[in-house]
Amino acid sequence: MLDITLLCVGKLKESYFAAACGEYGKRLGAYCRLTVTELAEARRSSDPTPGELAAALAREAEAIRAAVPKGAALIVLSPEGRLLPSEALAAALEKYAASGVSKLCFLIGGSDGIDAALKRDAALLLSMSPMTFPHHLARVMLLEQLYRAFTITRGGKYHK
């Protein structure tokens, strides 16, 4: 059984997003061990300079690196990442498991993005869409896609 960690920069505040995440988290329990960890966004001014923003993202990157489980493959969600249909995501999860990787860590950055070094170090840079979504909605969408991927590989009826 895969250990999946979902690292999220920023706290989930909206109750409707929390309820949806809770539902998919419960469903995923049949397929993996899921841990969701929220990390605080680094402080910055309301109108940060490029240098201040870079420094904040670097501080967040330090906290992220400390939170990634040892031995986990890091999968970073980013608009410039690869677009995968649900079936390909399912195949990628199976490939990790078949190659002996038992821990996956998905990262959803904060509102100002993710430090470039983290993106370079990722095992996979994954895009959900060329569209822009709120980070809290992206969390729900990722959990749903993980659930869908597991049901695809297990032959469940959820994916049609």
Protein backbone atom coordinates (compact mmCIF):
# COMPACT_ATOMS: atom_id res chain seq x y z
CA MET A 1 0.00 0.00 0.00
CA LEU A 2 1.39 3.39 -1.01
CA ASP A 3 2.02 6.11 1.53
CA ILE A 4 0.84 9.39 0.02
CA THR A 5 1.63 12.71 1.62
CA LEU A 6 -0.10 15.83 0.39
CA LEU A 7 1.86 18.94 1.32
CA CYS A 8 -0.10 22.17 1.01
CA VAL A 9 1.27 25.66 1.53
CA GLY A 10 -1.56 27.55 3.21
CA LYS A 11 -4.46 26.52 5.39
CA LEU A 12 -7.78 25.23 4.13
CA LYS A 13 -10.38 27.62 5.55
CA GLU A 14 -13.58 27.05 3.60
CA SER A 15 -15.80 24.40 5.16
CA TYR A 16 -17.10 23.17 1.79
CA PHE A 17 -13.55 22.49 0.54
CA ALA A 18 -12.70 20.81 3.86
CA ALA A 19 -15.79 18.59 3.57
CA ALA A 20 -14.86 17.53 0.04
CA CYS A 21 -11.26 16.82 1.07
CA GLY A 22 -12.53 14.81 4.01
CA GLU A 23 -14.76 12.72 1.76
CA TYR A 24 -12.00 11.90 -0.70
CA GLY A 25 -9.56 11.30 2.12
CA LYS A 26 -11.98 8.76 3.59
CA ARG A 27 -12.39 7.05 0.21
CA LEU A 28 -8.64 6.94 -0.36
CA GLY A 29 -8.20 5.04 2.90
CA ALA A 30 -9.12 1.84 1.05
CA TYR A 31 -6.22 2.30 -1.38
CA CYS A 32 -3.38 4.14 0.37
CA ARG A 33 -2.22 5.71 3.60
CA LEU A 34 -2.90 9.43 3.18
CA THR A 35 -1.36 12.22 5.23
CA VAL A 36 -2.27 15.85 4.58
CA THR A 37 0.16 18.43 5.94
CA GLU A 38 -0.44 22.16 5.82
CA LEU A 39 2.56 24.47 5.91
CA ALA A 40 2.36 28.17 6.67
CA GLU A 41 3.03 30.66 3.91
CA ALA A 42 6.17 32.69 4.60
CA ARG A 43 5.43 36.25 5.64
CA ARG A 44 5.74 38.95 3.02
CA SER A 45 4.43 42.46 2.51
CA SER A 46 1.16 43.04 0.68
CA ASP A 47 3.12 44.23 -2.36
CA PRO A 48 6.41 42.31 -2.20
CA THR A 49 9.41 43.22 -4.31
CA PRO A 50 10.78 40.45 -6.55
CA GLY A 51 13.61 39.94 -4.05
CA GLU A 52 11.24 39.71 -1.10
CA LEU A 53 9.07 37.24 -3.01
CA ALA A 54 12.08 35.09 -3.93
CA ALA A 55 13.24 35.09 -0.30
CA ALA A 56 9.75 34.08 0.90
CA LEU A 57 9.56 31.23 -1.61
CA ALA A 58 13.04 30.08 -0.53
CA ARG A 59 11.90 30.02 3.13
CA GLU A 60 8.82 28.02 2.14
CA ALA A 61 11.06 25.64 0.17
CA GLU A 62 13.11 24.95 3.31
CA ALA A 63 9.95 24.05 5.24
CA ILE A 64 8.70 21.93 2.34
CA ARG A 65 11.97 20.00 2.07
CA ALA A 66 11.86 19.30 5.81
CA ALA A 67 8.29 17.97 5.50
CA VAL A 68 8.86 15.64 2.53
CA PRO A 69 9.02 12.10 3.92
CA LYS A 70 12.41 10.42 3.58
CA GLY A 71 12.54 8.32 0.43
CA ALA A 72 9.39 9.84 -1.08
CA ALA A 73 9.14 10.75 -4.74
CA LEU A 74 8.22 14.44 -4.91
CA ILE A 75 5.44 15.32 -7.34
CA VAL A 76 5.00 19.07 -7.68
CA LEU A 77 1.79 20.58 -9.05
CA SER A 78 2.63 23.48 -11.31
CA PRO A 79 1.00 25.09 -14.36
CA GLU A 80 4.07 24.36 -16.49
CA GLY A 81 4.03 20.67 -15.59
CA ARG A 82 2.89 17.70 -17.64
CA LEU A 83 -0.79 17.32 -18.40
CA LEU A 84 -1.85 13.73 -17.78
CA PRO A 85 -5.25 12.18 -18.39
CA SER A 86 -6.63 10.22 -15.43
CA GLU A 87 -5.58 6.89 -16.94
CA ALA A 88 -1.99 8.11 -17.32
CA LEU A 89 -1.92 9.32 -13.72
CA ALA A 90 -3.14 5.87 -12.66
CA ALA A 91 -0.38 4.26 -14.73
CA ALA A 92 2.22 6.60 -13.20
CA LEU A 93 1.15 5.65 -9.67
CA GLU A 94 1.36 1.97 -10.61
CA LYS A 95 4.80 2.51 -12.14
CA TYR A 96 6.10 4.11 -8.95
CA ALA A 97 4.76 1.20 -6.89
CA ALA A 98 6.17 -1.40 -9.30
CA SER A 99 9.61 0.23 -9.18
CA GLY A 100 9.75 -0.08 -5.40
CA VAL A 101 8.73 3.47 -4.51
CA SER A 102 6.35 3.17 -1.57
CA LYS A 103 6.08 6.86 -0.68
CA LEU A 104 4.77 9.68 -2.86
CA CYS A 105 4.63 13.31 -1.81
CA PHE A 106 2.40 15.69 -3.78
CA LEU A 107 3.05 19.41 -3.32
CA ILE A 108 0.54 22.21 -3.83
CA GLY A 109 2.29 25.54 -3.38
CA GLY A 110 0.95 28.78 -2.01
CA SER A 111 -0.62 31.72 -3.80
CA ASP A 112 2.75 33.02 -5.05
CA GLY A 113 3.91 29.70 -6.47
CA ILE A 114 6.78 27.35 -5.69
CA ASP A 115 10.51 27.91 -5.51
CA ALA A 116 12.18 27.02 -8.84
CA ALA A 117 14.69 24.67 -7.17
CA LEU A 118 11.86 22.50 -5.83
CA LYS A 119 10.40 22.25 -9.32
CA ARG A 120 13.78 21.19 -10.72
CA ASP A 121 14.19 18.54 -8.02
CA ALA A 122 10.73 17.03 -8.50
CA ALA A 123 10.39 13.46 -9.75
CA LEU A 124 7.37 14.72 -11.69
CA LEU A 125 6.12 18.22 -12.46
CA LEU A 126 2.37 17.79 -12.90
CA SER A 127 -0.20 20.25 -14.24
CA MET A 128 -3.90 19.87 -13.59
CA SER A 129 -4.85 22.27 -16.36
CA PRO A 130 -3.62 25.33 -18.21
CA MET A 131 -6.40 27.17 -16.37
CA THR A 132 -5.82 28.80 -12.99
CA PHE A 133 -7.64 27.38 -9.96
CA PRO A 134 -7.73 28.45 -6.32
CA HIS A 135 -5.19 26.39 -4.36
CA HIS A 136 -7.89 25.04 -2.08
CA LEU A 137 -9.90 23.79 -5.05
CA ALA A 138 -6.74 22.23 -6.48
CA ARG A 139 -6.44 20.22 -3.26
CA VAL A 140 -9.94 18.81 -3.73
CA MET A 141 -9.26 18.12 -7.40
CA LEU A 142 -5.99 16.31 -6.67
CA LEU A 143 -7.59 14.12 -4.01
CA GLU A 144 -10.42 13.28 -6.40
CA GLN A 145 -7.93 12.41 -9.16
CA LEU A 146 -5.93 10.20 -6.80
CA TYR A 147 -9.12 8.38 -5.84
CA ARG A 148 -10.05 8.05 -9.53
CA ALA A 149 -6.55 6.74 -10.35
CA PHE A 150 -6.78 4.02 -7.71
CA THR A 151 -10.23 2.97 -8.87
CA ILE A 152 -8.95 2.78 -12.46
CA THR A 153 -6.07 0.48 -11.50
CA ARG A 154 -8.31 -1.66 -9.30
CA GLY A 155 -11.07 -1.94 -11.90
CA GLY A 156 -13.64 -0.02 -9.88
CA LYS A 157 -16.80 1.48 -11.32
CA TYR A 158 -16.10 5.09 -10.30
CA HIS A 159 -14.24 5.96 -13.51
CA LYS A 160 -16.43 5.78 -16.59
